[in-house]
N, C-alpha and C. Protein backbone atom coordinates (compact mmCIF):
# COMPACT_ATOMS: atom_id res chain seq x y z
N MET A 1 -3.24 -12.42 5.14
CA MET A 1 -3.12 -11.37 4.19
C MET A 1 -3.07 -10.16 4.97
N LYS A 2 -2.07 -9.23 4.40
CA LYS A 2 -1.78 -8.04 5.06
C LYS A 2 -2.90 -7.05 4.59
N LYS A 3 -3.28 -6.36 5.68
CA LYS A 3 -4.39 -5.19 5.21
C LYS A 3 -3.77 -3.99 4.74
N GLU A 4 -4.11 -3.49 3.68
CA GLU A 4 -3.52 -2.19 3.25
C GLU A 4 -3.89 -0.91 4.11
N ASP A 5 -2.87 -0.25 4.29
CA ASP A 5 -3.09 1.14 5.08
C ASP A 5 -3.19 2.09 4.10
N SER A 6 -4.46 2.77 4.09
CA SER A 6 -4.73 3.90 3.32
C SER A 6 -3.94 5.10 3.19
N SER A 7 -3.41 5.27 4.45
CA SER A 7 -2.27 6.33 4.66
C SER A 7 -1.18 6.33 3.92
N SER A 8 -0.84 4.96 3.57
CA SER A 8 0.37 4.92 2.76
C SER A 8 0.14 4.67 1.34
N THR A 9 -1.01 4.54 0.85
CA THR A 9 -1.41 4.56 -0.79
C THR A 9 -0.92 5.68 -1.45
N THR A 10 -0.20 5.39 -2.63
CA THR A 10 0.15 6.32 -3.40
C THR A 10 -0.72 6.50 -4.68
N ARG A 11 -1.12 7.72 -4.97
CA ARG A 11 -1.93 7.73 -6.34
C ARG A 11 -1.22 8.91 -7.13
N HIS A 12 -1.37 8.68 -8.33
CA HIS A 12 -0.67 9.61 -9.33
C HIS A 12 -1.65 10.27 -10.14
N HIS A 13 -1.37 11.41 -10.75
CA HIS A 13 -2.31 12.20 -11.55
C HIS A 13 -1.19 12.80 -12.68
N ARG A 14 -1.62 12.38 -14.02
CA ARG A 14 -1.04 12.93 -15.26
C ARG A 14 -1.71 13.98 -16.00
N SER A 15 -0.70 14.79 -16.73
CA SER A 15 -1.44 15.90 -17.37
C SER A 15 -1.10 15.79 -18.84
N ALA A 16 -1.26 16.74 -19.65
CA ALA A 16 -0.95 16.64 -21.12
C ALA A 16 0.32 16.91 -21.45
N SER A 17 1.33 17.18 -20.43
CA SER A 17 2.74 17.47 -20.84
C SER A 17 3.51 16.34 -21.29
N ALA A 18 4.05 16.45 -22.31
CA ALA A 18 4.99 15.30 -23.17
C ALA A 18 6.16 14.98 -22.10
N TYR A 19 6.53 16.15 -21.38
CA TYR A 19 7.66 16.06 -20.65
C TYR A 19 7.48 14.79 -19.27
N GLU A 20 6.17 14.61 -18.93
CA GLU A 20 5.98 13.52 -17.91
C GLU A 20 6.31 12.29 -18.42
N GLY A 21 6.06 11.71 -19.57
CA GLY A 21 6.47 10.55 -20.00
C GLY A 21 7.86 10.48 -20.23
N LEU A 22 8.38 11.40 -21.09
CA LEU A 22 9.79 11.66 -21.26
C LEU A 22 10.78 11.33 -20.26
N VAL A 23 10.43 12.11 -19.03
CA VAL A 23 11.42 12.20 -17.92
C VAL A 23 10.95 11.25 -16.90
N GLY A 24 9.60 10.70 -17.01
CA GLY A 24 9.10 9.73 -16.03
C GLY A 24 8.84 10.30 -14.74
N PHE A 25 7.88 11.32 -14.82
CA PHE A 25 7.46 12.02 -13.39
C PHE A 25 5.78 12.09 -13.59
N SER A 26 4.98 12.29 -12.57
CA SER A 26 3.79 12.59 -12.63
C SER A 26 3.70 14.08 -12.34
N ARG A 27 2.40 14.69 -12.77
CA ARG A 27 2.09 15.97 -12.34
C ARG A 27 1.89 16.19 -10.94
N ALA A 28 1.24 15.25 -10.40
CA ALA A 28 0.95 15.27 -8.92
C ALA A 28 0.91 13.80 -8.35
N VAL A 29 1.30 13.87 -6.98
CA VAL A 29 1.42 12.42 -6.44
C VAL A 29 0.79 12.76 -5.07
N ARG A 30 -0.33 11.94 -4.63
CA ARG A 30 -0.78 11.95 -3.22
C ARG A 30 -0.35 10.62 -2.53
N ARG A 31 0.12 10.84 -1.42
CA ARG A 31 0.17 9.78 -0.39
C ARG A 31 -0.35 10.10 0.88
N GLY A 32 -1.43 9.39 1.34
CA GLY A 32 -2.03 9.87 2.71
C GLY A 32 -2.76 11.13 2.26
N SER A 33 -2.55 12.10 3.13
CA SER A 33 -3.20 13.35 3.00
C SER A 33 -2.33 14.23 2.30
N ARG A 34 -1.17 14.03 1.81
CA ARG A 34 -0.24 15.20 1.28
C ARG A 34 -0.20 15.03 -0.21
N ILE A 35 -0.51 16.07 -1.00
CA ILE A 35 -0.51 15.98 -2.48
C ILE A 35 0.74 16.92 -2.65
N SER A 36 1.65 16.48 -3.53
CA SER A 36 2.80 17.39 -4.13
C SER A 36 2.64 17.48 -5.69
N VAL A 37 2.61 18.69 -6.23
CA VAL A 37 2.33 18.86 -7.46
C VAL A 37 3.78 19.41 -8.05
N SER A 38 3.96 18.80 -9.09
CA SER A 38 5.44 19.12 -9.79
C SER A 38 5.42 20.58 -10.44
N LEU A 39 6.47 20.88 -10.67
CA LEU A 39 6.68 22.12 -11.43
C LEU A 39 5.92 22.27 -12.63
N SER A 40 4.82 23.11 -13.01
CA SER A 40 3.98 23.20 -13.93
C SER A 40 4.30 24.19 -14.81
N ALA A 41 4.37 23.89 -16.04
CA ALA A 41 4.71 25.05 -16.99
C ALA A 41 3.26 25.47 -17.70
N PRO A 42 3.30 26.53 -18.34
CA PRO A 42 2.01 26.96 -19.12
C PRO A 42 1.79 26.20 -20.39
N ILE A 43 1.34 24.88 -20.20
CA ILE A 43 0.88 24.17 -21.22
C ILE A 43 -0.68 23.73 -21.41
N ASP A 44 -1.17 23.85 -22.55
CA ASP A 44 -2.57 23.67 -22.65
C ASP A 44 -3.00 22.22 -22.70
N SER A 45 -4.25 21.91 -22.83
CA SER A 45 -4.54 20.45 -22.69
C SER A 45 -4.37 19.76 -23.96
N ASP A 46 -3.78 20.43 -25.10
CA ASP A 46 -3.23 19.60 -26.18
C ASP A 46 -1.70 19.52 -26.21
N GLY A 47 -0.98 19.99 -24.85
CA GLY A 47 0.32 19.86 -24.80
C GLY A 47 1.16 20.97 -25.41
N GLU A 48 0.56 21.95 -25.81
CA GLU A 48 1.20 23.19 -26.34
C GLU A 48 1.59 24.29 -25.31
N THR A 49 2.39 25.16 -25.48
CA THR A 49 2.73 26.13 -24.62
C THR A 49 1.37 27.22 -24.87
N VAL A 50 0.98 27.73 -23.81
CA VAL A 50 -0.01 28.89 -23.89
C VAL A 50 0.82 30.12 -24.08
N GLU A 51 0.43 30.74 -25.27
CA GLU A 51 1.04 32.00 -25.62
C GLU A 51 0.36 33.21 -24.78
N GLY A 52 1.20 34.23 -24.36
CA GLY A 52 0.51 35.14 -23.51
C GLY A 52 1.61 35.69 -22.55
N ASP A 53 1.32 36.81 -21.76
CA ASP A 53 2.13 37.51 -20.76
C ASP A 53 2.02 36.55 -19.72
N ALA A 54 3.06 36.98 -18.75
CA ALA A 54 3.12 36.54 -17.53
C ALA A 54 1.91 36.07 -16.71
N TYR A 55 0.99 37.05 -16.81
CA TYR A 55 -0.31 36.81 -15.99
C TYR A 55 -1.09 35.71 -16.66
N VAL A 56 -1.27 35.61 -17.87
CA VAL A 56 -1.86 34.60 -18.71
C VAL A 56 -1.41 33.33 -18.34
N GLN A 57 0.06 33.17 -18.49
CA GLN A 57 0.71 31.83 -18.18
C GLN A 57 0.55 31.43 -16.72
N ALA A 58 0.64 32.41 -15.87
CA ALA A 58 0.47 32.15 -14.50
C ALA A 58 -1.02 31.71 -14.24
N GLU A 59 -1.93 32.04 -14.69
CA GLU A 59 -3.21 31.61 -14.64
C GLU A 59 -3.36 30.24 -15.02
N ARG A 60 -2.78 29.74 -16.32
CA ARG A 60 -2.74 28.44 -16.83
C ARG A 60 -2.05 27.69 -15.82
N CYS A 61 -0.89 27.91 -15.33
CA CYS A 61 -0.22 26.98 -14.36
C CYS A 61 -0.98 26.82 -13.22
N PHE A 62 -1.69 27.82 -12.53
CA PHE A 62 -2.56 27.72 -11.56
C PHE A 62 -3.74 26.58 -11.64
N GLU A 63 -4.38 26.86 -13.03
CA GLU A 63 -5.41 25.89 -13.43
C GLU A 63 -4.85 24.42 -13.38
N ILE A 64 -3.71 24.20 -13.84
CA ILE A 64 -3.07 22.97 -14.09
C ILE A 64 -2.98 22.34 -12.49
N ILE A 65 -2.29 23.25 -11.74
CA ILE A 65 -2.29 22.74 -10.37
C ILE A 65 -3.48 22.37 -9.61
N LEU A 66 -4.62 23.26 -9.75
CA LEU A 66 -5.88 22.87 -9.25
C LEU A 66 -6.59 21.80 -9.80
N GLU A 67 -6.32 21.47 -11.12
CA GLU A 67 -6.86 20.37 -11.81
C GLU A 67 -6.33 19.17 -11.13
N ALA A 68 -5.08 19.13 -10.86
CA ALA A 68 -4.25 17.97 -10.25
C ALA A 68 -4.66 17.86 -8.81
N VAL A 69 -4.85 18.64 -8.15
CA VAL A 69 -5.24 18.68 -6.67
C VAL A 69 -6.55 18.14 -6.72
N GLU A 70 -7.68 18.56 -7.25
CA GLU A 70 -8.83 18.19 -7.33
C GLU A 70 -8.84 16.69 -7.83
N ALA A 71 -8.06 16.16 -8.91
CA ALA A 71 -8.06 15.12 -9.46
C ALA A 71 -7.55 13.96 -8.38
N LEU A 72 -6.82 14.50 -7.41
CA LEU A 72 -6.45 13.60 -6.17
C LEU A 72 -7.25 13.79 -4.95
N GLY A 73 -8.42 14.43 -5.10
CA GLY A 73 -9.38 14.66 -3.97
C GLY A 73 -9.13 15.83 -3.05
N GLY A 74 -8.46 16.69 -3.54
CA GLY A 74 -8.19 17.80 -2.88
C GLY A 74 -8.94 19.04 -3.17
N THR A 75 -8.80 20.33 -2.73
CA THR A 75 -9.51 21.34 -3.07
C THR A 75 -8.61 22.47 -2.95
N ARG A 76 -9.07 23.69 -3.70
CA ARG A 76 -8.04 24.89 -3.55
C ARG A 76 -7.81 25.24 -2.24
N GLU A 77 -8.70 25.08 -1.35
CA GLU A 77 -8.37 25.28 0.18
C GLU A 77 -7.35 24.48 0.68
N ASP A 78 -7.12 23.38 0.10
CA ASP A 78 -6.16 22.42 0.89
C ASP A 78 -4.67 22.84 0.33
N VAL A 79 -4.39 23.74 -0.51
CA VAL A 79 -3.21 24.25 -0.96
C VAL A 79 -2.49 24.88 0.28
N VAL A 80 -1.45 24.41 0.62
CA VAL A 80 -0.70 25.21 1.61
C VAL A 80 0.62 25.94 1.27
N ARG A 81 1.22 25.50 0.02
CA ARG A 81 2.48 26.15 -0.33
C ARG A 81 2.42 26.28 -1.96
N THR A 82 2.88 27.24 -2.38
CA THR A 82 3.28 27.48 -3.62
C THR A 82 4.62 28.08 -4.07
N ARG A 83 5.28 27.68 -5.05
CA ARG A 83 6.61 28.09 -5.37
C ARG A 83 6.61 28.46 -6.96
N MET A 84 6.88 29.83 -7.14
CA MET A 84 6.86 30.44 -8.52
C MET A 84 8.16 30.81 -8.98
N TYR A 85 8.58 30.31 -10.26
CA TYR A 85 9.72 30.62 -10.64
C TYR A 85 9.58 31.36 -11.92
N ILE A 86 10.36 32.60 -12.00
CA ILE A 86 10.09 33.58 -13.11
C ILE A 86 11.70 33.88 -13.76
N ALA A 87 12.01 34.05 -14.86
CA ALA A 87 13.16 34.36 -15.47
C ALA A 87 13.21 35.83 -15.55
N ASP A 88 12.22 36.60 -15.75
CA ASP A 88 12.45 38.05 -15.80
C ASP A 88 11.76 38.76 -14.50
N ALA A 89 12.40 39.48 -13.73
CA ALA A 89 12.10 39.92 -12.40
C ALA A 89 10.99 40.94 -12.60
N SER A 90 10.79 41.50 -13.76
CA SER A 90 9.76 42.49 -14.12
C SER A 90 8.36 41.78 -14.08
N ASP A 91 8.30 40.54 -14.17
CA ASP A 91 7.26 39.65 -14.20
C ASP A 91 6.32 39.58 -12.76
N TRP A 92 7.21 39.86 -11.84
CA TRP A 92 6.81 39.65 -10.41
C TRP A 92 5.15 40.08 -10.18
N ASP A 93 4.90 41.26 -10.68
CA ASP A 93 3.86 41.95 -10.43
C ASP A 93 2.70 41.02 -11.05
N ALA A 94 2.72 40.73 -12.02
CA ALA A 94 1.62 40.17 -12.95
C ALA A 94 1.44 38.69 -12.26
N VAL A 95 2.54 37.75 -12.02
CA VAL A 95 2.29 36.67 -11.39
C VAL A 95 1.77 36.70 -10.15
N SER A 96 2.23 37.77 -9.15
CA SER A 96 1.67 38.03 -7.95
C SER A 96 0.00 38.27 -8.06
N ARG A 97 -0.42 39.06 -8.98
CA ARG A 97 -1.69 39.55 -9.14
C ARG A 97 -2.45 38.13 -9.43
N ALA A 98 -2.03 37.10 -10.17
CA ALA A 98 -2.63 36.15 -10.57
C ALA A 98 -2.78 35.15 -9.36
N HIS A 99 -1.58 34.98 -8.58
CA HIS A 99 -1.65 34.32 -7.30
C HIS A 99 -2.54 34.65 -6.29
N GLY A 100 -2.75 36.23 -6.42
CA GLY A 100 -3.70 36.58 -5.25
C GLY A 100 -5.16 36.28 -5.72
N GLU A 101 -5.56 36.18 -7.15
CA GLU A 101 -6.83 35.91 -7.56
C GLU A 101 -7.07 34.55 -7.27
N PHE A 102 -6.08 33.54 -7.32
CA PHE A 102 -6.48 32.14 -6.95
C PHE A 102 -6.58 31.88 -5.42
N PHE A 103 -5.65 32.44 -4.79
CA PHE A 103 -5.39 32.29 -3.41
C PHE A 103 -5.61 33.26 -2.41
N ARG A 104 -6.15 34.41 -2.80
CA ARG A 104 -6.24 35.45 -1.74
C ARG A 104 -6.87 34.95 -0.41
N ASP A 105 -8.05 34.08 -0.51
CA ASP A 105 -8.87 33.83 0.69
C ASP A 105 -8.11 32.74 1.37
N ILE A 106 -7.16 32.18 0.86
CA ILE A 106 -6.49 30.93 1.46
C ILE A 106 -5.14 31.14 2.09
N TYR A 107 -4.43 31.91 1.61
CA TYR A 107 -3.01 32.41 2.05
C TYR A 107 -1.99 31.37 2.23
N PRO A 108 -1.74 30.55 1.26
CA PRO A 108 -0.80 29.58 1.33
C PRO A 108 0.59 30.24 1.54
N ALA A 109 1.51 29.45 2.19
CA ALA A 109 2.83 29.85 2.10
C ALA A 109 3.40 30.05 0.80
N SER A 110 4.11 30.93 0.38
CA SER A 110 4.49 31.08 -1.05
C SER A 110 5.88 31.80 -1.18
N THR A 111 6.57 31.49 -2.11
CA THR A 111 7.90 31.64 -2.46
C THR A 111 8.06 32.13 -4.16
N LEU A 112 8.62 33.24 -4.41
CA LEU A 112 8.84 33.85 -5.88
C LEU A 112 10.27 33.80 -5.93
N VAL A 113 10.77 32.89 -7.17
CA VAL A 113 12.09 32.86 -7.22
C VAL A 113 12.51 33.29 -8.54
N ILE A 114 13.63 34.14 -8.95
CA ILE A 114 14.06 34.37 -10.07
C ILE A 114 15.23 33.40 -10.57
N VAL A 115 14.93 32.86 -11.67
CA VAL A 115 15.74 31.79 -12.34
C VAL A 115 16.44 32.51 -13.36
N LYS A 116 17.47 31.74 -13.87
CA LYS A 116 18.17 32.17 -15.08
C LYS A 116 17.31 32.03 -16.32
N GLU A 117 16.76 30.92 -16.43
CA GLU A 117 15.77 30.68 -17.76
C GLU A 117 15.14 29.56 -17.48
N HIS A 118 14.01 29.18 -18.36
CA HIS A 118 13.08 28.08 -18.30
C HIS A 118 13.52 27.10 -19.42
N LEU A 119 13.25 26.02 -19.23
CA LEU A 119 13.36 25.06 -20.41
C LEU A 119 13.00 25.23 -21.71
N ASP A 120 11.86 25.95 -21.83
CA ASP A 120 11.24 26.36 -23.01
C ASP A 120 11.35 28.12 -22.91
N PRO A 121 12.10 28.79 -23.87
CA PRO A 121 12.37 30.15 -23.73
C PRO A 121 10.92 30.76 -23.78
N ARG A 122 9.77 30.17 -24.33
CA ARG A 122 8.30 31.05 -24.43
C ARG A 122 7.77 30.84 -22.93
N TRP A 123 8.24 30.30 -21.99
CA TRP A 123 7.59 30.14 -20.70
C TRP A 123 8.09 31.32 -19.82
N ARG A 124 7.24 32.01 -19.30
CA ARG A 124 7.44 33.28 -18.44
C ARG A 124 7.47 32.89 -17.13
N ILE A 125 6.90 31.63 -16.79
CA ILE A 125 6.75 31.13 -15.33
C ILE A 125 6.61 29.71 -15.31
N GLU A 126 6.96 29.14 -14.03
CA GLU A 126 6.58 27.56 -13.81
C GLU A 126 6.48 27.69 -12.29
N ILE A 127 5.30 26.90 -11.89
CA ILE A 127 4.91 26.83 -10.49
C ILE A 127 4.80 25.40 -10.00
N GLU A 128 5.06 25.26 -8.71
CA GLU A 128 4.74 24.05 -7.98
C GLU A 128 4.00 24.33 -6.91
N ALA A 129 3.36 23.21 -6.37
CA ALA A 129 2.47 23.37 -5.08
C ALA A 129 2.45 22.25 -4.17
N GLU A 130 1.98 22.34 -2.92
CA GLU A 130 1.79 21.31 -2.11
C GLU A 130 0.33 21.62 -1.51
N ALA A 131 -0.32 20.50 -1.30
CA ALA A 131 -1.50 20.47 -0.54
C ALA A 131 -1.93 19.61 0.48
N GLU A 132 -2.45 19.81 1.50
CA GLU A 132 -2.81 18.88 2.64
C GLU A 132 -4.16 18.70 2.69
N VAL A 133 -4.79 17.64 2.49
CA VAL A 133 -6.06 17.16 2.54
C VAL A 133 -6.48 16.87 4.05
N LEU A 134 -7.18 17.67 4.62
CA LEU A 134 -7.72 17.34 6.07
C LEU A 134 -9.16 16.71 5.77
N THR A 135 -9.17 15.58 6.67
CA THR A 135 -10.56 14.66 6.29
C THR A 135 -11.24 14.75 7.72
């Protein structure tokens, strides 16, 4: 009988987003010590878009990301990279403020990209992240 190598075990986390089942992806995947969190939109626990400005929506995206990281055994301190996608360049200050409130003491690598548009025009931002859980 072959012994299972825990470093190659893959775990998945799902959220309330209907897109996950439709498209066939997980909110986050953990393999070994690495957690990858998919592009997360401002969707509440009922699967509805969170109304509000870019700051409010960024907060919700970060909450989704941290919920996924924690569900897979990580913590906020394990986040090593974030990527934020905005369609309106004037939102950079609001989303940057939200990022700072979530990660100011951690300083992950971060990228902010201006895109043409989001899948849902009500979304001001989408965010993805990576974490590395050190044991």
